[in-house]
C-alpha atoms as a PDB file:
ATOM      1  CA  MET A   1      -1.412 -23.823   1.974  1.00  0.00           C
ATOM      2  CA  TRP A   2       1.939 -25.153   3.134  1.00  0.00           C
ATOM      3  CA  ARG A   3       4.338 -23.012   5.224  1.00  0.00           C
ATOM      4  CA  ILE A   4       7.673 -22.066   3.515  1.00  0.00           C
ATOM      5  CA  ASN A   5      10.641 -22.569   5.810  1.00  0.00           C
ATOM      6  CA  LEU A   6      12.405 -19.308   6.992  1.00  0.00           C
ATOM      7  CA  VAL A   7      15.647 -21.038   6.493  1.00  0.00           C
ATOM      8  CA  PHE A   8      14.919 -21.528   2.741  1.00  0.00           C
ATOM      9  CA  VAL A   9      13.914 -17.853   2.324  1.00  0.00           C
ATOM     10  CA  ALA A  10      17.087 -16.714   3.989  1.00  0.00           C
ATOM     11  CA  ALA A  11      19.262 -18.983   2.042  1.00  0.00           C
ATOM     12  CA  ALA A  12      17.649 -17.925  -1.246  1.00  0.00           C
ATOM     13  CA  CYS A  13      18.290 -14.274  -0.391  1.00  0.00           C
ATOM     14  CA  ILE A  14      22.040 -14.927  -0.025  1.00  0.00           C
ATOM     15  CA  PHE A  15      22.328 -15.316  -3.841  1.00  0.00           C
ATOM     16  CA  SER A  16      21.048 -11.781  -4.555  1.00  0.00           C
ATOM     17  CA  ALA A  17      18.156  -9.489  -3.868  1.00  0.00           C
ATOM     18  CA  CYS A  18      17.308  -9.522  -7.519  1.00  0.00           C
ATOM     19  CA  GLU A  19      16.947 -13.265  -7.641  1.00  0.00           C
ATOM     20  CA  CYS A  20      14.847 -13.220  -4.534  1.00  0.00           C
ATOM     21  CA  ALA A  21      12.663 -10.487  -5.921  1.00  0.00           C
ATOM     22  CA  SER A  22      12.110 -12.555  -9.019  1.00  0.00           C
ATOM     23  CA  VAL A  23      10.969 -15.589  -7.109  1.00  0.00           C
ATOM     24  CA  ALA A  24       8.785 -13.514  -4.872  1.00  0.00           C
ATOM     25  CA  GLN A  25       7.146 -11.825  -7.962  1.00  0.00           C
ATOM     26  CA  THR A  26       6.232 -15.122  -9.384  1.00  0.00           C
ATOM     27  CA  ALA A  27       4.832 -16.260  -6.076  1.00  0.00           C
ATOM     28  CA  VAL A  28       2.735 -13.123  -5.545  1.00  0.00           C
ATOM     29  CA  GLY A  29       0.759 -13.738  -8.604  1.00  0.00           C
ATOM     30  CA  SER A  30      -0.275 -17.242  -7.609  1.00  0.00           C
ATOM     31  CA  ARG A  31      -1.187 -18.937  -4.428  1.00  0.00           C
ATOM     32  CA  THR A  32       1.913 -18.209  -2.421  1.00  0.00           C
ATOM     33  CA  PRO A  33       3.304 -20.412   0.339  1.00  0.00           C
ATOM     34  CA  ARG A  34       2.908 -18.791   3.701  1.00  0.00           C
ATOM     35  CA  ILE A  35       6.009 -17.499   5.429  1.00  0.00           C
ATOM     36  CA  THR A  36       6.536 -18.060   8.952  1.00  0.00           C
ATOM     37  CA  ASN A  37       7.219 -15.568  11.691  1.00  0.00           C
ATOM     38  CA  VAL A  38       4.507 -13.050  10.670  1.00  0.00           C
ATOM     39  CA  ARG A  39       2.102 -12.285  13.593  1.00  0.00           C
ATOM     40  CA  TYR A  40      -0.944 -10.131  13.788  1.00  0.00           C
ATOM     41  CA  PHE A  41      -2.217  -8.185  16.921  1.00  0.00           C
ATOM     42  CA  GLN A  42      -5.565  -6.533  17.230  1.00  0.00           C
ATOM     43  CA  THR A  43      -6.010  -3.467  19.424  1.00  0.00           C
ATOM     44  CA  SER A  44      -8.588  -0.559  19.864  1.00  0.00           C
ATOM     45  CA  TRP A  45      -9.469   2.192  22.220  1.00  0.00           C
ATOM     46  CA  GLU A  46     -11.589  -0.307  24.279  1.00  0.00           C
ATOM     47  CA  ASN A  47      -8.692  -2.685  24.572  1.00  0.00           C
ATOM     48  CA  MET A  48      -6.348   0.098  25.782  1.00  0.00           C
ATOM     49  CA  VAL A  49      -8.746   1.533  28.365  1.00  0.00           C
ATOM     50  CA  SER A  50      -9.332  -1.880  29.736  1.00  0.00           C
ATOM     51  CA  GLY A  51      -5.591  -2.558  30.083  1.00  0.00           C
ATOM     52  CA  VAL A  52      -5.381  -5.329  27.409  1.00  0.00           C
ATOM     53  CA  ASP A  53      -3.520  -3.274  24.829  1.00  0.00           C
ATOM     54  CA  MET A  54      -2.987  -5.985  21.978  1.00  0.00           C
ATOM     55  CA  VAL A  55      -4.491  -9.331  21.482  1.00  0.00           C
ATOM     56  CA  GLU A  56      -2.753 -11.784  18.977  1.00  0.00           C
ATOM     57  CA  VAL A  57      -4.966 -12.946  16.132  1.00  0.00           C
ATOM     58  CA  GLU A  58      -4.260 -16.144  14.180  1.00  0.00           C
ATOM     59  CA  ASN A  59      -4.136 -15.884  10.440  1.00  0.00           C
ATOM     60  CA  SER A  60      -6.967 -18.297  10.057  1.00  0.00           C
ATOM     61  CA  ALA A  61     -10.712 -18.366   9.456  1.00  0.00           C
ATOM     62  CA  GLU A  62     -11.105 -18.702  13.165  1.00  0.00           C
ATOM     63  CA  GLY A  63      -8.823 -15.865  13.883  1.00  0.00           C
ATOM     64  CA  ALA A  64     -10.641 -13.569  11.371  1.00  0.00           C
ATOM     65  CA  THR A  65     -14.015 -14.559  12.788  1.00  0.00           C
ATOM     66  CA  SER A  66     -12.802 -13.748  16.429  1.00  0.00           C
ATOM     67  CA  LEU A  67     -12.643 -10.046  15.537  1.00  0.00           C
ATOM     68  CA  ALA A  68     -16.529 -10.032  15.228  1.00  0.00           C
ATOM     69  CA  LEU A  69     -16.583  -7.501  12.424  1.00  0.00           C
ATOM     70  CA  ASP A  70     -19.941  -6.460  11.090  1.00  0.00           C
ATOM     71  CA  GLY A  71     -18.891  -4.446   8.058  1.00  0.00           C
ATOM     72  CA  THR A  72     -19.670  -0.926   9.434  1.00  0.00           C
ATOM     73  CA  GLU A  73     -16.326  -0.328  11.218  1.00  0.00           C
ATOM     74  CA  ASN A  74     -13.165   1.289   9.709  1.00  0.00           C
ATOM     75  CA  VAL A  75     -10.102  -1.023   9.932  1.00  0.00           C
ATOM     76  CA  ALA A  76      -6.549   0.116   9.859  1.00  0.00           C
ATOM     77  CA  ILE A  77      -3.674  -2.288   9.262  1.00  0.00           C
ATOM     78  CA  VAL A  78      -0.333  -1.105  10.244  1.00  0.00           C
ATOM     79  CA  VAL A  79       3.061  -2.579   8.904  1.00  0.00           C
ATOM     80  CA  HIS A  80       6.448  -1.556  10.294  1.00  0.00           C
ATOM     81  CA  GLY A  81       9.764  -1.415   8.372  1.00  0.00           C
ATOM     82  CA  ARG A  82      13.171  -2.862   8.832  1.00  0.00           C
ATOM     83  CA  GLU A  83      14.639  -3.388  12.303  1.00  0.00           C
ATOM     84  CA  SER A  84      11.458  -2.648  14.077  1.00  0.00           C
ATOM     85  CA  SER A  85       8.423  -4.450  15.551  1.00  0.00           C
ATOM     86  CA  VAL A  86       4.887  -3.695  16.980  1.00  0.00           C
ATOM     87  CA  TYR A  87       6.530  -2.739  20.182  1.00  0.00           C
ATOM     88  CA  SER A  88       8.993  -0.062  18.646  1.00  0.00           C
ATOM     89  CA  ASP A  89       8.574   3.630  18.885  1.00  0.00           C
ATOM     90  CA  PHE A  90       6.782   3.392  15.589  1.00  0.00           C
ATOM     91  CA  GLY A  91       4.453   0.773  16.666  1.00  0.00           C
ATOM     92  CA  ASN A  92       3.746   2.218  20.103  1.00  0.00           C
ATOM     93  CA  THR A  93       3.125   5.746  18.760  1.00  0.00           C
ATOM     94  CA  LEU A  94       0.913   4.671  15.779  1.00  0.00           C
ATOM     95  CA  ARG A  95      -1.400   2.433  17.695  1.00  0.00           C
ATOM     96  CA  PHE A  96      -2.016   4.931  20.530  1.00  0.00           C
ATOM     97  CA  SER A  97      -2.555   7.726  17.990  1.00  0.00           C
ATOM     98  CA  LEU A  98      -5.036   5.635  15.940  1.00  0.00           C
ATOM     99  CA  ALA A  99      -7.087   4.442  18.893  1.00  0.00           C
ATOM    100  CA  SER A 100      -7.276   7.817  20.550  1.00  0.00           C
ATOM    101  CA  ALA A 101      -8.365   9.484  17.402  1.00  0.00           C
ATOM    102  CA  ASP A 102     -11.148   6.887  16.543  1.00  0.00           C
ATOM    103  CA  GLU A 103     -12.583   4.981  19.454  1.00  0.00           C
ATOM    104  CA  ASP A 104     -14.433   2.719  17.059  1.00  0.00           C
ATOM    105  CA  LEU A 105     -11.454   1.995  14.886  1.00  0.00           C
ATOM    106  CA  VAL A 106     -10.133  -1.668  14.558  1.00  0.00           C
ATOM    107  CA  ILE A 107      -6.507  -1.631  14.534  1.00  0.00           C
ATOM    108  CA  ILE A 108      -4.354  -4.634  13.288  1.00  0.00           C
ATOM    109  CA  MET A 109      -0.642  -4.337  13.895  1.00  0.00           C
ATOM    110  CA  VAL A 110       1.523  -6.676  11.636  1.00  0.00           C
ATOM    111  CA  ASP A 111       4.753  -7.964  13.286  1.00  0.00           C
ATOM    112  CA  TRP A 112       7.391  -9.361  11.004  1.00  0.00           C
ATOM    113  CA  SER A 113      10.237  -8.240  13.318  1.00  0.00           C
ATOM    114  CA  TYR A 114      12.098 -11.563  13.209  1.00  0.00           C
ATOM    115  CA  LEU A 115      12.706 -11.020   9.523  1.00  0.00           C
ATOM    116  CA  SER A 116      13.119  -7.364   9.660  1.00  0.00           C
ATOM    117  CA  PHE A 117      16.341  -7.662  11.655  1.00  0.00           C
ATOM    118  CA  SER A 118      18.029  -9.683   8.934  1.00  0.00           C
ATOM    119  CA  SER A 119      20.308  -7.840   6.493  1.00  0.00           C
ATOM    120  CA  TYR A 120      18.569  -5.113   4.514  1.00  0.00           C
ATOM    121  CA  ALA A 121      18.907  -7.108   1.222  1.00  0.00           C
ATOM    122  CA  GLN A 122      17.240 -10.065   2.797  1.00  0.00           C
ATOM    123  CA  ALA A 123      14.524  -8.095   4.438  1.00  0.00           C
ATOM    124  CA  ALA A 124      13.659  -6.355   1.198  1.00  0.00           C
ATOM    125  CA  ALA A 125      13.669  -9.660  -0.607  1.00  0.00           C
ATOM    126  CA  VAL A 126      11.122 -11.229   1.741  1.00  0.00           C
ATOM    127  CA  ALA A 127       8.853  -8.260   1.764  1.00  0.00           C
ATOM    128  CA  PRO A 128       6.607  -9.721  -0.999  1.00  0.00           C
ATOM    129  CA  PHE A 129       6.152 -12.894   1.048  1.00  0.00           C
ATOM    130  CA  ILE A 130       5.060 -10.830   4.051  1.00  0.00           C
ATOM    131  CA  ALA A 131       2.559  -9.058   1.704  1.00  0.00           C
ATOM    132  CA  ALA A 132       1.353 -12.401   0.418  1.00  0.00           C
ATOM    133  CA  ASP A 133       0.698 -13.551   4.020  1.00  0.00           C
ATOM    134  CA  LEU A 134      -1.160 -10.354   4.850  1.00  0.00           C
ATOM    135  CA  ARG A 135      -3.149 -10.511   1.616  1.00  0.00           C
ATOM    136  CA  ASP A 136      -4.340 -14.002   2.595  1.00  0.00           C
ATOM    137  CA  PHE A 137      -5.383 -12.690   6.021  1.00  0.00           C
ATOM    138  CA  ILE A 138      -7.313  -9.766   4.452  1.00  0.00           C
ATOM    139  CA  VAL A 139      -9.158 -12.342   2.293  1.00  0.00           C
ATOM    140  CA  LEU A 140     -10.162 -14.189   5.462  1.00  0.00           C
ATOM    141  CA  LEU A 141     -11.305 -10.884   7.022  1.00  0.00           C
ATOM    142  CA  THR A 142     -13.480 -10.142   4.050  1.00  0.00           C
ATOM    143  CA  ASP A 143     -15.127 -13.431   4.521  1.00  0.00           C
ATOM    144  CA  ALA A 144     -15.619 -12.425   8.114  1.00  0.00           C
ATOM    145  CA  ASN A 145     -17.362  -9.107   7.145  1.00  0.00           C
ATOM    146  CA  LEU A 146     -14.478  -6.701   6.501  1.00  0.00           C
ATOM    147  CA  ASN A 147     -15.626  -3.981   4.119  1.00  0.00           C
ATOM    148  CA  LEU A 148     -12.646  -3.194   1.862  1.00  0.00           C
ATOM    149  CA  ASN A 149     -14.204   0.290   1.303  1.00  0.00           C
ATOM    150  CA  GLN A 150     -13.252   1.028   4.969  1.00  0.00           C
ATOM    151  CA  LEU A 151      -9.826  -0.524   4.894  1.00  0.00           C
ATOM    152  CA  HIS A 152      -6.837   1.730   5.497  1.00  0.00           C
ATOM    153  CA  LEU A 153      -3.348   0.248   5.021  1.00  0.00           C
ATOM    154  CA  ILE A 154      -0.451   2.097   6.681  1.00  0.00           C
ATOM    155  CA  GLY A 155       3.196   1.255   6.073  1.00  0.00           C
ATOM    156  CA  PHE A 156       6.530   2.643   6.932  1.00  0.00           C
ATOM    157  CA  ASP A 157       9.927   2.025   5.143  1.00  0.00           C
ATOM    158  CA  LEU A 158       9.757  -1.462   3.690  1.00  0.00           C
ATOM    159  CA  GLY A 159       6.285  -1.664   5.198  1.00  0.00           C
ATOM    160  CA  ALA A 160       5.091   0.828   2.573  1.00  0.00           C
ATOM    161  CA  HIS A 161       5.972  -1.542  -0.190  1.00  0.00           C
ATOM    162  CA  ILE A 162       4.388  -4.471   1.704  1.00  0.00           C
ATOM    163  CA  VAL A 163       1.050  -2.773   1.953  1.00  0.00           C
ATOM    164  CA  GLY A 164       1.248  -1.886  -1.721  1.00  0.00           C
ATOM    165  CA  ILE A 165       1.877  -5.432  -2.818  1.00  0.00           C
ATOM    166  CA  THR A 166      -0.742  -6.677  -0.397  1.00  0.00           C
ATOM    167  CA  SER A 167      -3.417  -4.459  -1.944  1.00  0.00           C
ATOM    168  CA  ARG A 168      -2.412  -5.050  -5.579  1.00  0.00           C
ATOM    169  CA  ASN A 169      -5.427  -7.108  -6.571  1.00  0.00           C
ATOM    170  CA  ALA A 170      -9.139  -7.067  -6.125  1.00  0.00           C
ATOM    171  CA  VAL A 171      -9.457  -9.518  -3.352  1.00  0.00           C
ATOM    172  CA  ALA A 172      -7.514  -7.417  -0.934  1.00  0.00           C
ATOM    173  CA  ARG A 173      -7.652  -3.908  -2.391  1.00  0.00           C
ATOM    174  CA  ALA A 174      -7.923  -1.215   0.181  1.00  0.00           C
ATOM    175  CA  ILE A 175      -9.712   2.153  -0.276  1.00  0.00           C
ATOM    176  CA  LYS A 176      -6.577   3.913   1.018  1.00  0.00           C
ATOM    177  CA  ILE A 177      -2.848   3.362   1.482  1.00  0.00           C
ATOM    178  CA  THR A 178      -0.735   5.806   3.645  1.00  0.00           C
ATOM    179  CA  ALA A 179       2.976   5.150   2.744  1.00  0.00           C
ATOM    180  CA  LEU A 180       5.351   6.720   5.127  1.00  0.00           C
ATOM    181  CA  ASP A 181       8.808   7.341   3.497  1.00  0.00           C
ATOM    182  CA  PRO A 182       8.864   4.184   1.384  1.00  0.00           C
ATOM    183  CA  ALA A 183      12.308   2.507   1.242  1.00  0.00           C
ATOM    184  CA  GLY A 184      14.419   3.403  -1.744  1.00  0.00           C
ATOM    185  CA  VAL A 185      17.293   1.085  -1.925  1.00  0.00           C
ATOM    186  CA  LEU A 186      16.616  -2.002  -4.121  1.00  0.00           C
ATOM    187  CA  TRP A 187      13.096  -0.542  -5.100  1.00  0.00           C
ATOM    188  CA  GLY A 188      13.646   0.881  -8.391  1.00  0.00           C
ATOM    189  CA  ALA A 189      11.085   1.390 -11.163  1.00  0.00           C
ATOM    190  CA  SER A 190      11.315  -2.232 -12.360  1.00  0.00           C
ATOM    191  CA  SER A 191      10.638  -3.666  -8.917  1.00  0.00           C
ATOM    192  CA  LEU A 192       7.438  -4.619  -7.071  1.00  0.00           C
ATOM    193  CA  ARG A 193       7.529  -1.240  -5.250  1.00  0.00           C
ATOM    194  CA  LEU A 194       4.530   0.734  -4.252  1.00  0.00           C
ATOM    195  CA  ARG A 195       2.218   2.086  -7.080  1.00  0.00           C
ATOM    196  CA  ALA A 196      -0.395   4.662  -7.336  1.00  0.00           C
ATOM    197  CA  SER A 197      -2.852   2.007  -8.558  1.00  0.00           C
ATOM    198  CA  ASP A 198      -2.410  -0.232  -5.430  1.00  0.00           C
ATOM    199  CA  ALA A 199      -5.442   1.351  -3.770  1.00  0.00           C
ATOM    200  CA  ASP A 200      -8.207   3.748  -4.492  1.00  0.00           C
ATOM    201  CA  TYR A 201      -6.123   6.503  -2.980  1.00  0.00           C
ATOM    202  CA  VAL A 202      -2.324   6.241  -2.204  1.00  0.00           C
ATOM    203  CA  GLU A 203      -1.000   9.014   0.010  1.00  0.00           C
ATOM    204  CA  VAL A 204       2.859   9.101   0.119  1.00  0.00           C
ATOM    205  CA  ILE A 205       4.778  11.151   2.775  1.00  0.00           C
ATOM    206  CA  HIS A 206       8.578  11.565   1.785  1.00  0.00           C
ATOM    207  CA  THR A 207      10.908  12.702   4.414  1.00  0.00           C
ATOM    208  CA  ASP A 208      14.449  11.252   3.533  1.00  0.00           C
ATOM    209  CA  ILE A 209      15.145  11.538  -0.098  1.00  0.00           C
ATOM    210  CA  SER A 210      18.526  13.326  -0.324  1.00  0.00           C
ATOM    211  CA  GLY A 211      21.904  11.634  -1.176  1.00  0.00           C
ATOM    212  CA  THR A 212      23.186   8.161  -1.508  1.00  0.00           C
ATOM    213  CA  SER A 213      22.665   7.476   2.159  1.00  0.00           C
ATOM    214  CA  ALA A 214      19.000   8.339   2.102  1.00  0.00           C
ATOM    215  CA  PHE A 215      16.594   5.655   3.301  1.00  0.00           C
ATOM    216  CA  GLY A 216      13.583   6.850   1.289  1.00  0.00           C
ATOM    217  CA  THR A 217      12.932   7.530  -2.365  1.00  0.00           C
ATOM    218  CA  ALA A 218      12.327  10.799  -4.185  1.00  0.00           C
ATOM    219  CA  ASP A 219      10.148   9.121  -6.777  1.00  0.00           C
ATOM    220  CA  ALA A 220       6.552  10.062  -6.727  1.00  0.00           C
ATOM    221  CA  LEU A 221       4.832   6.811  -6.153  1.00  0.00           C
ATOM    222  CA  GLY A 222       1.236   7.623  -5.172  1.00  0.00           C
ATOM    223  CA  THR A 223      -1.940   9.522  -6.009  1.00  0.00           C
ATOM    224  CA  LEU A 224      -0.651  12.230  -3.730  1.00  0.00           C
ATOM    225  CA  ASP A 225       2.967  12.667  -2.873  1.00  0.00           C
ATOM    226  CA  ILE A 226       3.791  15.143  -0.099  1.00  0.00           C
ATOM    227  CA  TYR A 227       7.459  16.237   0.608  1.00  0.00           C
ATOM    228  CA  PRO A 228       7.653  17.847   4.038  1.00  0.00           C
ATOM    229  CA  ASN A 229      10.396  20.533   4.021  1.00  0.00           C
ATOM    230  CA  GLY A 230      11.326  19.297   0.473  1.00  0.00           C
ATOM    231  CA  GLY A 231      11.622  15.765   1.705  1.00  0.00           C
ATOM    232  CA  THR A 232      15.267  16.258   2.725  1.00  0.00           C
ATOM    233  CA  ARG A 233      16.431  17.893   5.941  1.00  0.00           C
ATOM    234  CA  GLN A 234      13.800  17.667   8.603  1.00  0.00           C
ATOM    235  CA  PRO A 235      13.874  20.374  11.261  1.00  0.00           C
ATOM    236  CA  GLY A 236      15.353  19.100  14.514  1.00  0.00           C
ATOM    237  CA  CYS A 237      17.460  16.387  12.810  1.00  0.00           C
ATOM    238  CA  ALA A 238      21.161  16.676  12.211  1.00  0.00           C
ATOM    239  CA  ASN A 239      21.977  17.089   8.544  1.00  0.00           C
ATOM    240  CA  ARG A 240      23.382  13.631   8.147  1.00  0.00           C
ATOM    241  CA  ASP A 241      21.112  11.802  10.509  1.00  0.00           C
ATOM    242  CA  ASN A 242      19.058  10.005   7.823  1.00  0.00           C
ATOM    243  CA  ALA A 243      17.421   7.748  10.513  1.00  0.00           C
ATOM    244  CA  CYS A 244      15.930  10.860  12.021  1.00  0.00           C
ATOM    245  CA  HIS A 245      14.771  12.301   8.603  1.00  0.00           C
ATOM    246  CA  HIS A 246      13.304   8.902   7.757  1.00  0.00           C
ATOM    247  CA  ASN A 247      11.380   8.442  11.105  1.00  0.00           C
ATOM    248  CA  ARG A 248       9.988  11.924  10.815  1.00  0.00           C
ATOM    249  CA  ALA A 249       7.367  10.504   8.259  1.00  0.00           C
ATOM    250  CA  TRP A 250       5.583   8.436  10.817  1.00  0.00           C
ATOM    251  CA  GLU A 251       6.032  11.148  13.523  1.00  0.00           C
ATOM    252  CA  LEU A 252       4.395  13.726  11.221  1.00  0.00           C
ATOM    253  CA  PHE A 253       1.569  11.270  10.327  1.00  0.00           C
ATOM    254  CA  ALA A 254       0.952  10.357  14.048  1.00  0.00           C
ATOM    255  CA  ALA A 255       0.730  14.193  14.750  1.00  0.00           C
ATOM    256  CA  THR A 256      -1.863  14.677  12.058  1.00  0.00           C
ATOM    257  CA  VAL A 257      -3.898  11.814  13.467  1.00  0.00           C
ATOM    258  CA  ASP A 258      -3.720  13.345  16.954  1.00  0.00           C
ATOM    259  CA  THR A 259      -4.803  16.785  15.844  1.00  0.00           C
ATOM    260  CA  GLY A 260      -7.291  15.739  13.187  1.00  0.00           C
ATOM    261  CA  GLY A 261      -5.194  17.616  10.603  1.00  0.00           C
ATOM    262  CA  HIS A 262      -3.152  20.734  10.981  1.00  0.00           C
ATOM    263  CA  LEU A 263      -0.298  20.517   8.364  1.00  0.00           C
ATOM    264  CA  MET A 264      -1.477  22.179   5.111  1.00  0.00           C
ATOM    265  CA  ALA A 265       0.514  21.281   1.918  1.00  0.00           C
ATOM    266  CA  LEU A 266       0.549  23.370  -1.228  1.00  0.00           C
ATOM    267  CA  ARG A 267       0.654  21.909  -4.722  1.00  0.00           C
ATOM    268  CA  CYS A 268       3.789  21.925  -6.797  1.00  0.00           C
ATOM    269  CA  ASP A 269       4.125  21.648 -10.517  1.00  0.00           C
ATOM    270  CA  THR A 270       7.663  20.217 -10.553  1.00  0.00           C
ATOM    271  CA  MET A 271      10.205  18.646  -8.303  1.00  0.00           C
ATOM    272  CA  THR A 272      12.225  21.844  -8.679  1.00  0.00           C
ATOM    273  CA  GLN A 273       9.544  23.694  -6.990  1.00  0.00           C
ATOM    274  CA  VAL A 274       9.421  21.009  -4.212  1.00  0.00           C
ATOM    275  CA  SER A 275      13.168  21.422  -3.668  1.00  0.00           C
ATOM    276  CA  ASN A 276      13.247  25.203  -3.711  1.00  0.00           C
ATOM    277  CA  ASN A 277      10.140  25.864  -1.575  1.00  0.00           C
ATOM    278  CA  ARG A 278       8.416  27.441  -4.509  1.00  0.00           C
ATOM    279  CA  CYS A 279       5.039  25.610  -4.177  1.00  0.00           C
ATOM    280  CA  THR A 280       2.136  27.945  -4.213  1.00  0.00           C
ATOM    281  CA  GLY A 281      -0.587  25.874  -6.106  1.00  0.00           C
ATOM    282  CA  THR A 282      -4.090  25.062  -5.062  1.00  0.00           C
ATOM    283  CA  PRO A 283      -6.042  23.256  -3.972  1.00  0.00           C
ATOM    284  CA  PRO A 284      -4.161  22.739  -0.671  1.00  0.00           C
ATOM    285  CA  VAL A 285      -4.408  19.438   1.136  1.00  0.00           C
ATOM    286  CA  LEU A 286      -4.264  18.426   4.803  1.00  0.00           C
ATOM    287  CA  MET A 287      -1.395  15.917   5.079  1.00  0.00           C
ATOM    288  CA  GLY A 288      -2.063  12.615   6.783  1.00  0.00           C
ATOM    289  CA  THR A 289      -5.107  12.174   9.092  1.00  0.00           C
ATOM    290  CA  LEU A 290      -7.483   9.193   9.002  1.00  0.00           C
ATOM    291  CA  THR A 291      -9.531  10.661   6.121  1.00  0.00           C
ATOM    292  CA  LEU A 292     -10.061   7.849   3.566  1.00  0.00           C
ATOM    293  CA  VAL A 293     -11.126   9.969   0.664  1.00  0.00           C
ATOM    294  CA  LYS A 294      -9.298  12.988  -0.671  1.00  0.00           C
ATOM    295  CA  LEU A 295      -9.693  14.717  -3.964  1.00  0.00           C
ATOM    296  CA  GLN A 296      -6.237  16.187  -4.472  1.00  0.00           C
ATOM    297  CA  SER A 297      -3.465  14.522  -6.398  1.00  0.00           C
ATOM    298  CA  GLY A 298       0.082  15.266  -7.663  1.00  0.00           C
ATOM    299  CA  LEU A 299       3.125  16.774  -6.004  1.00  0.00           C
ATOM    300  CA  TYR A 300       2.807  18.747  -2.729  1.00  0.00           C
ATOM    301  CA  ARG A 301       5.108  20.444  -0.074  1.00  0.00           C
ATOM    302  CA  VAL A 302       4.483  21.332   3.517  1.00  0.00           C
ATOM    303  CA  ASN A 303       6.979  23.135   5.806  1.00  0.00           C
ATOM    304  CA  THR A 304       6.938  21.974   9.401  1.00  0.00           C
ATOM    305  CA  GLY A 305       8.444  22.768  12.792  1.00  0.00           C
ATOM    306  CA  ASN A 306      11.131  20.703  14.654  1.00  0.00           C
ATOM    307  CA  THR A 307       9.009  19.415  17.568  1.00  0.00           C
ATOM    308  CA  TYR A 308       5.710  17.756  18.085  1.00  0.00           C
ATOM    309  CA  PRO A 309       3.121  18.539  16.663  1.00  0.00           C
ATOM    310  CA  PHE A 310       5.552  20.089  14.144  1.00  0.00           C
ATOM    311  CA  SER A 311       3.579  23.141  13.166  1.00  0.00           C
ATOM    312  CA  ALA A 312       5.747  25.589  11.336  1.00  0.00           C
END
């Protein structure tokens, strides 16, 4: 596999996001050239208590083997969104919550920060290439004893689409995807965006869906789509602070991981019920957590508070 030059990708994206998406879509269906500037870091509870925190792992057979997987451990792979990194508030919070909740969990943090700080259109256009790189790494991990039935992919913003594309074929198909407020701009129905079929179970948490400035999407994309507070104005955020509403998705998820599940969502028949807080259906579902198998599907709403752990 040859490495595609970052300059080529950035130059291609200047023409238009649509053209880049078309090129990327063709690539994802075949043996995709690897994009540079994607890095992988492994951590766990054992790492943290020993003061190591994260260890970089090469995307190679040797790197995959170095994790010493035996097929019995749960593995969580976490992908950040635009203008972020594994050292952002998102990255720091998620890895500490995950490690604290399951001391045996193997956590792999994906860092594509160099590309994520390009323009939004360019970052969105290279997302399928990031997914292809991650897919290839997962294939190497399966050769090194990763059990896909214990693989949990977690993505925020553009990262939600990256994990969907990554898991979109048998060789890297995860048992569960948790998608945290998937990006909406440039990710319409005809795009490569996250789909309910991308994993055995796809849970989507929508927190910023209102108005033309929203970072997220109102569209139901998963097996289970949960809209905290209707998916619009999150308690504790100023009305027009879309970044605050958007980030609340991963903050809520981390809180549910910390507590083991405390935010109970009720089923809705329509988006009108979601918007008007008229959801009364059963069975209810605990939002988030590290549970890999859930039985509920469809539209759900949960009302939350304005500060951690966000209980109403």
